[in-house]
All heavy atoms as atom14 arrays in JSON, in Angstrom:
{
  "sequence": "WFALPLALTLSCLAIARIEVHPYSRWASPAGQRLLAALARRAGGT",
  "atom14_mask": [
    [1, 1, 1, 1, 1, 1, 1, 1, 1, 1, 1, 1, 1, 1],
    [1, 1, 1, 1, 1, 1, 1, 1, 1, 1, 1, 0, 0, 0],
    [1, 1, 1, 1, 1, 0, 0, 0, 0, 0, 0, 0, 0, 0],
    [1, 1, 1, 1, 1, 1, 1, 1, 0, 0, 0, 0, 0, 0],
    [1, 1, 1, 1, 1, 1, 1, 0, 0, 0, 0, 0, 0, 0],
    [1, 1, 1, 1, 1, 1, 1, 1, 0, 0, 0, 0, 0, 0],
    [1, 1, 1, 1, 1, 0, 0, 0, 0, 0, 0, 0, 0, 0],
    [1, 1, 1, 1, 1, 1, 1, 1, 0, 0, 0, 0, 0, 0],
    [1, 1, 1, 1, 1, 1, 1, 0, 0, 0, 0, 0, 0, 0],
    [1, 1, 1, 1, 1, 1, 1, 1, 0, 0, 0, 0, 0, 0],
    [1, 1, 1, 1, 1, 1, 0, 0, 0, 0, 0, 0, 0, 0],
    [1, 1, 1, 1, 1, 1, 0, 0, 0, 0, 0, 0, 0, 0],
    [1, 1, 1, 1, 1, 1, 1, 1, 0, 0, 0, 0, 0, 0],
    [1, 1, 1, 1, 1, 0, 0, 0, 0, 0, 0, 0, 0, 0],
    [1, 1, 1, 1, 1, 1, 1, 1, 0, 0, 0, 0, 0, 0],
    [1, 1, 1, 1, 1, 0, 0, 0, 0, 0, 0, 0, 0, 0],
    [1, 1, 1, 1, 1, 1, 1, 1, 1, 1, 1, 0, 0, 0],
    [1, 1, 1, 1, 1, 1, 1, 1, 0, 0, 0, 0, 0, 0],
    [1, 1, 1, 1, 1, 1, 1, 1, 1, 0, 0, 0, 0, 0],
    [1, 1, 1, 1, 1, 1, 1, 0, 0, 0, 0, 0, 0, 0],
    [1, 1, 1, 1, 1, 1, 1, 1, 1, 1, 0, 0, 0, 0],
    [1, 1, 1, 1, 1, 1, 1, 0, 0, 0, 0, 0, 0, 0],
    [1, 1, 1, 1, 1, 1, 1, 1, 1, 1, 1, 1, 0, 0],
    [1, 1, 1, 1, 1, 1, 0, 0, 0, 0, 0, 0, 0, 0],
    [1, 1, 1, 1, 1, 1, 1, 1, 1, 1, 1, 0, 0, 0],
    [1, 1, 1, 1, 1, 1, 1, 1, 1, 1, 1, 1, 1, 1],
    [1, 1, 1, 1, 1, 0, 0, 0, 0, 0, 0, 0, 0, 0],
    [1, 1, 1, 1, 1, 1, 0, 0, 0, 0, 0, 0, 0, 0],
    [1, 1, 1, 1, 1, 1, 1, 0, 0, 0, 0, 0, 0, 0],
    [1, 1, 1, 1, 1, 0, 0, 0, 0, 0, 0, 0, 0, 0],
    [1, 1, 1, 1, 0, 0, 0, 0, 0, 0, 0, 0, 0, 0],
    [1, 1, 1, 1, 1, 1, 1, 1, 1, 0, 0, 0, 0, 0],
    [1, 1, 1, 1, 1, 1, 1, 1, 1, 1, 1, 0, 0, 0],
    [1, 1, 1, 1, 1, 1, 1, 1, 0, 0, 0, 0, 0, 0],
    [1, 1, 1, 1, 1, 1, 1, 1, 0, 0, 0, 0, 0, 0],
    [1, 1, 1, 1, 1, 0, 0, 0, 0, 0, 0, 0, 0, 0],
    [1, 1, 1, 1, 1, 0, 0, 0, 0, 0, 0, 0, 0, 0],
    [1, 1, 1, 1, 1, 1, 1, 1, 0, 0, 0, 0, 0, 0],
    [1, 1, 1, 1, 1, 0, 0, 0, 0, 0, 0, 0, 0, 0],
    [1, 1, 1, 1, 1, 1, 1, 1, 1, 1, 1, 0, 0, 0],
    [1, 1, 1, 1, 1, 1, 1, 1, 1, 1, 1, 0, 0, 0],
    [1, 1, 1, 1, 1, 0, 0, 0, 0, 0, 0, 0, 0, 0],
    [1, 1, 1, 1, 0, 0, 0, 0, 0, 0, 0, 0, 0, 0],
    [1, 1, 1, 1, 0, 0, 0, 0, 0, 0, 0, 0, 0, 0],
    [1, 1, 1, 1, 1, 1, 1, 0, 0, 0, 0, 0, 0, 0]
  ],
  "atom14_positions": [
    [[23.18, 12.42, 18.62], [21.94, 12.43, 19.41], [20.74, 12.8, 18.53], [19.66, 12.25, 18.69], [22.08, 13.42, 20.56], [22.75, 12.84, 21.78], [24.01, 13.06, 22.23], [22.16, 11.91, 22.69], [24.26, 12.33, 23.36], [23.12, 11.62, 23.67], [20.91, 11.29, 22.78], [22.88, 10.75, 24.72], [20.66, 10.44, 23.83], [21.64, 10.17, 24.79]],
    [[20.94, 13.76, 17.64], [19.84, 14.14, 16.75], [19.63, 13.1, 15.63], [18.55, 13.02, 15.05], [20.1, 15.51, 16.13], [19.8, 16.65, 17.05], [20.81, 17.22, 17.82], [18.51, 17.14, 17.18], [20.55, 18.27, 18.69], [18.24, 18.19, 18.05], [19.26, 18.75, 18.81], [0.0, 0.0, 0.0], [0.0, 0.0, 0.0], [0.0, 0.0, 0.0]],
    [[20.67, 12.33, 15.33], [20.53, 11.31, 14.3], [19.6, 10.18, 14.75], [18.98, 9.51, 13.9], [21.9, 10.74, 13.94], [0.0, 0.0, 0.0], [0.0, 0.0, 0.0], [0.0, 0.0, 0.0], [0.0, 0.0, 0.0], [0.0, 0.0, 0.0], [0.0, 0.0, 0.0], [0.0, 0.0, 0.0], [0.0, 0.0, 0.0], [0.0, 0.0, 0.0]],
    [[19.48, 9.99, 16.06], [18.61, 8.91, 16.55], [17.13, 9.14, 16.22], [16.48, 8.27, 15.64], [18.83, 8.73, 18.06], [20.2, 8.22, 18.48], [20.31, 8.17, 20.0], [20.44, 6.83, 17.88], [0.0, 0.0, 0.0], [0.0, 0.0, 0.0], [0.0, 0.0, 0.0], [0.0, 0.0, 0.0], [0.0, 0.0, 0.0], [0.0, 0.0, 0.0]],
    [[16.53, 10.31, 16.58], [15.13, 10.51, 16.18], [14.96, 10.6, 14.66], [13.92, 10.21, 14.14], [14.74, 11.83, 16.87], [16.02, 12.52, 17.15], [17.02, 11.43, 17.4], [0.0, 0.0, 0.0], [0.0, 0.0, 0.0], [0.0, 0.0, 0.0], [0.0, 0.0, 0.0], [0.0, 0.0, 0.0], [0.0, 0.0, 0.0], [0.0, 0.0, 0.0]],
    [[15.98, 11.11, 13.97], [15.89, 11.14, 12.5], [15.87, 9.72, 11.94], [15.08, 9.41, 11.03], [17.08, 11.92, 11.93], [17.09, 12.09, 10.41], [15.87, 12.85, 9.93], [18.38, 12.79, 9.96], [0.0, 0.0, 0.0], [0.0, 0.0, 0.0], [0.0, 0.0, 0.0], [0.0, 0.0, 0.0], [0.0, 0.0, 0.0], [0.0, 0.0, 0.0]],
    [[16.7, 8.85, 12.49], [16.7, 7.45, 12.04], [15.37, 6.78, 12.36], [14.88, 5.94, 11.59], [17.85, 6.7, 12.71], [0.0, 0.0, 0.0], [0.0, 0.0, 0.0], [0.0, 0.0, 0.0], [0.0, 0.0, 0.0], [0.0, 0.0, 0.0], [0.0, 0.0, 0.0], [0.0, 0.0, 0.0], [0.0, 0.0, 0.0], [0.0, 0.0, 0.0]],
    [[14.77, 7.14, 13.5], [13.47, 6.58, 13.86], [12.41, 6.93, 12.81], [11.65, 6.06, 12.36], [13.06, 7.09, 15.24], [11.64, 6.74, 15.69], [11.51, 5.22, 15.87], [11.3, 7.46, 16.99], [0.0, 0.0, 0.0], [0.0, 0.0, 0.0], [0.0, 0.0, 0.0], [0.0, 0.0, 0.0], [0.0, 0.0, 0.0], [0.0, 0.0, 0.0]],
    [[12.35, 8.2, 12.43], [11.34, 8.61, 11.46], [11.59, 7.97, 10.09], [10.65, 7.49, 9.44], [11.32, 10.14, 11.32], [12.63, 10.6, 10.96], [10.9, 10.79, 12.62], [0.0, 0.0, 0.0], [0.0, 0.0, 0.0], [0.0, 0.0, 0.0], [0.0, 0.0, 0.0], [0.0, 0.0, 0.0], [0.0, 0.0, 0.0], [0.0, 0.0, 0.0]],
    [[12.83, 7.94, 9.66], [13.13, 7.38, 8.34], [12.87, 5.88, 8.29], [12.34, 5.36, 7.29], [14.58, 7.69, 7.96], [14.92, 9.17, 7.77], [16.4, 9.34, 7.42], [14.03, 9.81, 6.71], [0.0, 0.0, 0.0], [0.0, 0.0, 0.0], [0.0, 0.0, 0.0], [0.0, 0.0, 0.0], [0.0, 0.0, 0.0], [0.0, 0.0, 0.0]],
    [[13.24, 5.17, 9.36], [12.99, 3.72, 9.38], [11.5, 3.43, 9.45], [11.01, 2.46, 8.85], [13.71, 3.09, 10.56], [13.25, 3.65, 11.79], [0.0, 0.0, 0.0], [0.0, 0.0, 0.0], [0.0, 0.0, 0.0], [0.0, 0.0, 0.0], [0.0, 0.0, 0.0], [0.0, 0.0, 0.0], [0.0, 0.0, 0.0], [0.0, 0.0, 0.0]],
    [[10.75, 4.27, 10.18], [9.3, 4.09, 10.26], [8.66, 4.27, 8.89], [7.78, 3.51, 8.49], [8.72, 5.08, 11.26], [6.99, 4.8, 11.66], [0.0, 0.0, 0.0], [0.0, 0.0, 0.0], [0.0, 0.0, 0.0], [0.0, 0.0, 0.0], [0.0, 0.0, 0.0], [0.0, 0.0, 0.0], [0.0, 0.0, 0.0], [0.0, 0.0, 0.0]],
    [[9.12, 5.26, 8.14], [8.61, 5.47, 6.78], [8.95, 4.29, 5.88], [8.12, 3.83, 5.09], [9.2, 6.75, 6.19], [8.6, 8.08, 6.64], [9.39, 9.23, 6.05], [7.14, 8.16, 6.2], [0.0, 0.0, 0.0], [0.0, 0.0, 0.0], [0.0, 0.0, 0.0], [0.0, 0.0, 0.0], [0.0, 0.0, 0.0], [0.0, 0.0, 0.0]],
    [[10.17, 3.78, 5.99], [10.59, 2.66, 5.14], [9.76, 1.42, 5.43], [9.31, 0.72, 4.51], [12.08, 2.38, 5.36], [0.0, 0.0, 0.0], [0.0, 0.0, 0.0], [0.0, 0.0, 0.0], [0.0, 0.0, 0.0], [0.0, 0.0, 0.0], [0.0, 0.0, 0.0], [0.0, 0.0, 0.0], [0.0, 0.0, 0.0], [0.0, 0.0, 0.0]],
    [[9.54, 1.13, 6.7], [8.74, -0.05, 7.06], [7.3, 0.11, 6.59], [6.68, -0.83, 6.09], [8.8, -0.28, 8.58], [10.23, -0.66, 9.0], [7.82, -1.36, 9.01], [10.43, -0.73, 10.49], [0.0, 0.0, 0.0], [0.0, 0.0, 0.0], [0.0, 0.0, 0.0], [0.0, 0.0, 0.0], [0.0, 0.0, 0.0], [0.0, 0.0, 0.0]],
    [[6.75, 1.32, 6.74], [5.37, 1.56, 6.32], [5.2, 1.36, 4.82], [4.2, 0.81, 4.36], [4.93, 2.97, 6.72], [0.0, 0.0, 0.0], [0.0, 0.0, 0.0], [0.0, 0.0, 0.0], [0.0, 0.0, 0.0], [0.0, 0.0, 0.0], [0.0, 0.0, 0.0], [0.0, 0.0, 0.0], [0.0, 0.0, 0.0], [0.0, 0.0, 0.0]],
    [[6.18, 1.8, 4.04], [6.09, 1.62, 2.59], [6.11, 0.15, 2.2], [5.51, -0.25, 1.2], [7.24, 2.36, 1.9], [7.07, 3.87, 1.87], [8.17, 4.53, 1.06], [7.96, 5.96, 0.98], [7.17, 6.55, 0.09], [6.51, 5.81, -0.79], [7.04, 7.86, 0.07], [0.0, 0.0, 0.0], [0.0, 0.0, 0.0], [0.0, 0.0, 0.0]],
    [[6.8, -0.66, 2.97], [6.91, -2.08, 2.64], [5.71, -2.87, 3.16], [5.15, -3.71, 2.46], [8.22, -2.66, 3.22], [9.43, -1.99, 2.56], [8.28, -4.17, 3.02], [10.75, -2.36, 3.21], [0.0, 0.0, 0.0], [0.0, 0.0, 0.0], [0.0, 0.0, 0.0], [0.0, 0.0, 0.0], [0.0, 0.0, 0.0], [0.0, 0.0, 0.0]],
    [[5.3, -2.59, 4.39], [4.33, -3.43, 5.07], [2.87, -2.98, 4.88], [1.98, -3.82, 4.84], [4.63, -3.46, 6.58], [5.97, -4.1, 6.91], [6.01, -5.57, 6.56], [4.93, -6.2, 6.52], [7.11, -6.09, 6.35], [0.0, 0.0, 0.0], [0.0, 0.0, 0.0], [0.0, 0.0, 0.0], [0.0, 0.0, 0.0], [0.0, 0.0, 0.0]],
    [[2.64, -1.68, 4.79], [1.26, -1.2, 4.76], [0.7, -1.36, 3.36], [1.29, -0.89, 2.39], [1.19, 0.28, 5.2], [-0.24, 0.81, 5.08], [1.67, 0.42, 6.63], [0.0, 0.0, 0.0], [0.0, 0.0, 0.0], [0.0, 0.0, 0.0], [0.0, 0.0, 0.0], [0.0, 0.0, 0.0], [0.0, 0.0, 0.0], [0.0, 0.0, 0.0]],
    [[-0.45, -2.02, 3.26], [-1.11, -2.24, 1.98], [-1.63, -0.91, 1.46], [-2.31, -0.18, 2.17], [-2.27, -3.22, 2.12], [-2.73, -3.79, 0.82], [-3.32, -3.02, -0.16], [-2.68, -5.06, 0.34], [-3.62, -3.8, -1.2], [-3.24, -5.02, -0.92], [0.0, 0.0, 0.0], [0.0, 0.0, 0.0], [0.0, 0.0, 0.0], [0.0, 0.0, 0.0]],
    [[-1.32, -0.57, 0.21], [-1.8, 0.72, -0.32], [-3.3, 0.71, -0.52], [-3.86, -0.2, -1.14], [-1.06, 0.83, -1.67], [-0.77, -0.58, -2.06], [-0.53, -1.32, -0.78], [0.0, 0.0, 0.0], [0.0, 0.0, 0.0], [0.0, 0.0, 0.0], [0.0, 0.0, 0.0], [0.0, 0.0, 0.0], [0.0, 0.0, 0.0], [0.0, 0.0, 0.0]],
    [[-3.98, 1.73, -0.03], [-5.4, 1.91, -0.23], [-5.63, 2.83, -1.42], [-4.91, 3.81, -1.6], [-6.06, 2.53, 1.01], [-6.38, 1.55, 2.1], [-5.39, 1.06, 2.93], [-7.68, 1.1, 2.29], [-5.68, 0.16, 3.94], [-7.98, 0.21, 3.31], [-6.98, -0.25, 4.13], [-7.27, -1.14, 5.13], [0.0, 0.0, 0.0], [0.0, 0.0, 0.0]],
    [[-6.64, 2.51, -2.2], [-7.08, 3.48, -3.19], [-8.02, 4.46, -2.52], [-8.32, 4.35, -1.34], [-7.79, 2.76, -4.35], [-9.05, 2.27, -3.92], [0.0, 0.0, 0.0], [0.0, 0.0, 0.0], [0.0, 0.0, 0.0], [0.0, 0.0, 0.0], [0.0, 0.0, 0.0], [0.0, 0.0, 0.0], [0.0, 0.0, 0.0], [0.0, 0.0, 0.0]],
    [[-8.53, 5.42, -3.29], [-9.42, 6.4, -2.68], [-10.72, 5.76, -2.25], [-11.33, 6.17, -1.27], [-9.69, 7.53, -3.68], [-10.57, 8.63, -3.09], [-10.83, 9.73, -4.09], [-11.68, 10.75, -3.5], [-12.16, 11.79, -4.16], [-11.89, 11.93, -5.45], [-12.92, 12.68, -3.56], [0.0, 0.0, 0.0], [0.0, 0.0, 0.0], [0.0, 0.0, 0.0]],
    [[-11.18, 4.73, -2.97], [-12.51, 4.16, -2.71], [-12.47, 2.72, -2.23], [-13.25, 2.34, -1.37], [-13.37, 4.24, -3.98], [-13.47, 5.61, -4.54], [-12.85, 6.1, -5.66], [-14.21, 6.71, -4.0], [-13.17, 7.41, -5.85], [-14.01, 7.82, -4.85], [-15.03, 6.86, -2.89], [-14.6, 9.06, -4.62], [-15.62, 8.1, -2.65], [-15.41, 9.18, -3.51]],
    [[-11.59, 1.89, -2.78], [-11.62, 0.45, -2.51], [-10.61, 0.08, -1.42], [-9.48, 0.56, -1.41], [-11.32, -0.34, -3.78], [0.0, 0.0, 0.0], [0.0, 0.0, 0.0], [0.0, 0.0, 0.0], [0.0, 0.0, 0.0], [0.0, 0.0, 0.0], [0.0, 0.0, 0.0], [0.0, 0.0, 0.0], [0.0, 0.0, 0.0], [0.0, 0.0, 0.0]],
    [[-11.03, -0.8, -0.53], [-10.13, -1.37, 0.45], [-9.27, -2.43, -0.25], [-9.51, -2.76, -1.42], [-10.94, -2.02, 1.58], [-11.61, -3.17, 1.09], [0.0, 0.0, 0.0], [0.0, 0.0, 0.0], [0.0, 0.0, 0.0], [0.0, 0.0, 0.0], [0.0, 0.0, 0.0], [0.0, 0.0, 0.0], [0.0, 0.0, 0.0], [0.0, 0.0, 0.0]],
    [[-8.26, -2.99, 0.42], [-7.49, -4.06, -0.22], [-8.36, -5.22, -0.7], [-8.12, -5.77, -1.78], [-6.53, -4.5, 0.89], [-6.34, -3.26, 1.71], [-7.67, -2.56, 1.7], [0.0, 0.0, 0.0], [0.0, 0.0, 0.0], [0.0, 0.0, 0.0], [0.0, 0.0, 0.0], [0.0, 0.0, 0.0], [0.0, 0.0, 0.0], [0.0, 0.0, 0.0]],
    [[-9.38, -5.6, 0.07], [-10.28, -6.66, -0.37], [-11.04, -6.23, -1.63], [-11.21, -7.02, -2.57], [-11.26, -7.02, 0.74], [0.0, 0.0, 0.0], [0.0, 0.0, 0.0], [0.0, 0.0, 0.0], [0.0, 0.0, 0.0], [0.0, 0.0, 0.0], [0.0, 0.0, 0.0], [0.0, 0.0, 0.0], [0.0, 0.0, 0.0], [0.0, 0.0, 0.0]],
    [[-11.5, -4.99, -1.65], [-12.18, -4.48, -2.83], [-11.27, -4.42, -4.04], [-11.69, -4.71, -5.16], [0.0, 0.0, 0.0], [0.0, 0.0, 0.0], [0.0, 0.0, 0.0], [0.0, 0.0, 0.0], [0.0, 0.0, 0.0], [0.0, 0.0, 0.0], [0.0, 0.0, 0.0], [0.0, 0.0, 0.0], [0.0, 0.0, 0.0], [0.0, 0.0, 0.0]],
    [[-10.01, -4.07, -3.83], [-9.06, -4.02, -4.94], [-8.83, -5.41, -5.53], [-8.68, -5.55, -6.75], [-7.74, -3.42, -4.44], [-7.84, -1.94, -4.11], [-6.51, -1.4, -3.63], [-5.48, -1.53, -4.28], [-6.52, -0.78, -2.46], [0.0, 0.0, 0.0], [0.0, 0.0, 0.0], [0.0, 0.0, 0.0], [0.0, 0.0, 0.0], [0.0, 0.0, 0.0]],
    [[-8.8, -6.42, -4.69], [-8.61, -7.78, -5.21], [-9.81, -8.21, -6.06], [-9.64, -8.84, -7.12], [-8.4, -8.75, -4.05], [-7.02, -8.63, -3.4], [-6.77, -9.79, -2.45], [-7.6, -9.71, -1.27], [-7.26, -9.06, -0.15], [-6.11, -8.42, -0.08], [-8.06, -9.04, 0.9], [0.0, 0.0, 0.0], [0.0, 0.0, 0.0], [0.0, 0.0, 0.0]],
    [[-11.01, -7.87, -5.61], [-12.19, -8.21, -6.4], [-12.21, -7.45, -7.72], [-12.62, -7.98, -8.75], [-13.46, -7.92, -5.6], [-13.72, -8.82, -4.4], [-15.0, -8.41, -3.69], [-13.81, -10.28, -4.83], [0.0, 0.0, 0.0], [0.0, 0.0, 0.0], [0.0, 0.0, 0.0], [0.0, 0.0, 0.0], [0.0, 0.0, 0.0], [0.0, 0.0, 0.0]],
    [[-11.78, -6.19, -7.7], [-11.72, -5.42, -8.93], [-10.73, -6.02, -9.91], [-10.99, -6.08, -11.12], [-11.32, -3.98, -8.62], [-12.4, -3.06, -8.05], [-11.81, -1.7, -7.72], [-13.56, -2.9, -9.04], [0.0, 0.0, 0.0], [0.0, 0.0, 0.0], [0.0, 0.0, 0.0], [0.0, 0.0, 0.0], [0.0, 0.0, 0.0], [0.0, 0.0, 0.0]],
    [[-9.6, -6.47, -9.4], [-8.61, -7.1, -10.28], [-9.16, -8.36, -10.91], [-8.94, -8.63, -12.11], [-7.34, -7.4, -9.49], [0.0, 0.0, 0.0], [0.0, 0.0, 0.0], [0.0, 0.0, 0.0], [0.0, 0.0, 0.0], [0.0, 0.0, 0.0], [0.0, 0.0, 0.0], [0.0, 0.0, 0.0], [0.0, 0.0, 0.0], [0.0, 0.0, 0.0]],
    [[-9.89, -9.15, -10.14], [-10.5, -10.36, -10.69], [-11.54, -10.03, -11.74], [-11.63, -10.68, -12.79], [-11.12, -11.19, -9.56], [0.0, 0.0, 0.0], [0.0, 0.0, 0.0], [0.0, 0.0, 0.0], [0.0, 0.0, 0.0], [0.0, 0.0, 0.0], [0.0, 0.0, 0.0], [0.0, 0.0, 0.0], [0.0, 0.0, 0.0], [0.0, 0.0, 0.0]],
    [[-12.33, -9.0, -11.5], [-13.34, -8.58, -12.48], [-12.69, -8.09, -13.76], [-13.15, -8.4, -14.86], [-14.22, -7.48, -11.88], [-15.31, -6.91, -12.81], [-16.33, -7.98, -13.16], [-16.0, -5.72, -12.14], [0.0, 0.0, 0.0], [0.0, 0.0, 0.0], [0.0, 0.0, 0.0], [0.0, 0.0, 0.0], [0.0, 0.0, 0.0], [0.0, 0.0, 0.0]],
    [[-11.61, -7.34, -13.63], [-10.9, -6.84, -14.82], [-10.35, -7.99, -15.64], [-10.38, -7.96, -16.88], [-9.79, -5.89, -14.41], [0.0, 0.0, 0.0], [0.0, 0.0, 0.0], [0.0, 0.0, 0.0], [0.0, 0.0, 0.0], [0.0, 0.0, 0.0], [0.0, 0.0, 0.0], [0.0, 0.0, 0.0], [0.0, 0.0, 0.0], [0.0, 0.0, 0.0]],
    [[-9.84, -9.04, -14.98], [-9.33, -10.2, -15.71], [-10.45, -10.92, -16.44], [-10.29, -11.37, -17.59], [-8.61, -11.15, -14.75], [-7.27, -10.63, -14.27], [-6.48, -11.74, -13.6], [-7.17, -12.24, -12.4], [-6.98, -11.76, -11.19], [-6.14, -10.75, -10.99], [-7.63, -12.28, -10.15], [0.0, 0.0, 0.0], [0.0, 0.0, 0.0], [0.0, 0.0, 0.0]],
    [[-11.62, -11.06, -15.78], [-12.73, -11.74, -16.43], [-13.26, -10.95, -17.61], [-13.69, -11.52, -18.61], [-13.87, -11.98, -15.42], [-13.55, -13.01, -14.37], [-14.82, -13.5, -13.68], [-15.55, -12.4, -13.06], [-15.38, -12.02, -11.8], [-14.48, -12.63, -11.05], [-16.09, -11.03, -11.29], [0.0, 0.0, 0.0], [0.0, 0.0, 0.0], [0.0, 0.0, 0.0]],
    [[-13.2, -9.63, -17.5], [-13.67, -8.79, -18.61], [-12.7, -8.79, -19.77], [-13.02, -8.31, -20.85], [-13.9, -7.36, -18.12], [0.0, 0.0, 0.0], [0.0, 0.0, 0.0], [0.0, 0.0, 0.0], [0.0, 0.0, 0.0], [0.0, 0.0, 0.0], [0.0, 0.0, 0.0], [0.0, 0.0, 0.0], [0.0, 0.0, 0.0], [0.0, 0.0, 0.0]],
    [[-11.52, -9.35, -19.55], [-10.56, -9.44, -20.63], [-9.81, -8.16, -20.91], [-9.06, -8.06, -21.88], [0.0, 0.0, 0.0], [0.0, 0.0, 0.0], [0.0, 0.0, 0.0], [0.0, 0.0, 0.0], [0.0, 0.0, 0.0], [0.0, 0.0, 0.0], [0.0, 0.0, 0.0], [0.0, 0.0, 0.0], [0.0, 0.0, 0.0], [0.0, 0.0, 0.0]],
    [[-10.04, -7.13, -20.06], [-9.34, -5.87, -20.25], [-9.66, -5.16, -21.53], [-8.88, -4.35, -22.02], [0.0, 0.0, 0.0], [0.0, 0.0, 0.0], [0.0, 0.0, 0.0], [0.0, 0.0, 0.0], [0.0, 0.0, 0.0], [0.0, 0.0, 0.0], [0.0, 0.0, 0.0], [0.0, 0.0, 0.0], [0.0, 0.0, 0.0], [0.0, 0.0, 0.0]],
    [[-10.82, -5.42, -22.12], [-11.18, -4.77, -23.37], [-12.63, -4.39, -23.36], [-13.45, -5.0, -22.68], [-10.9, -5.71, -24.56], [-11.34, -5.05, -25.75], [-11.67, -7.01, -24.43], [0.0, 0.0, 0.0], [0.0, 0.0, 0.0], [0.0, 0.0, 0.0], [0.0, 0.0, 0.0], [0.0, 0.0, 0.0], [0.0, 0.0, 0.0], [0.0, 0.0, 0.0]]
  ]
}
């Protein structure tokens, strides 16, 4: 009976790690994509 709510919390954490897009402190996912494109254009140097 106690394993059921424990399984709920653990499965919720697992799904969140897979599905939820990681946010940085400042940039949203859209901002992160633009930053990645800018870094590629700058040549990383």
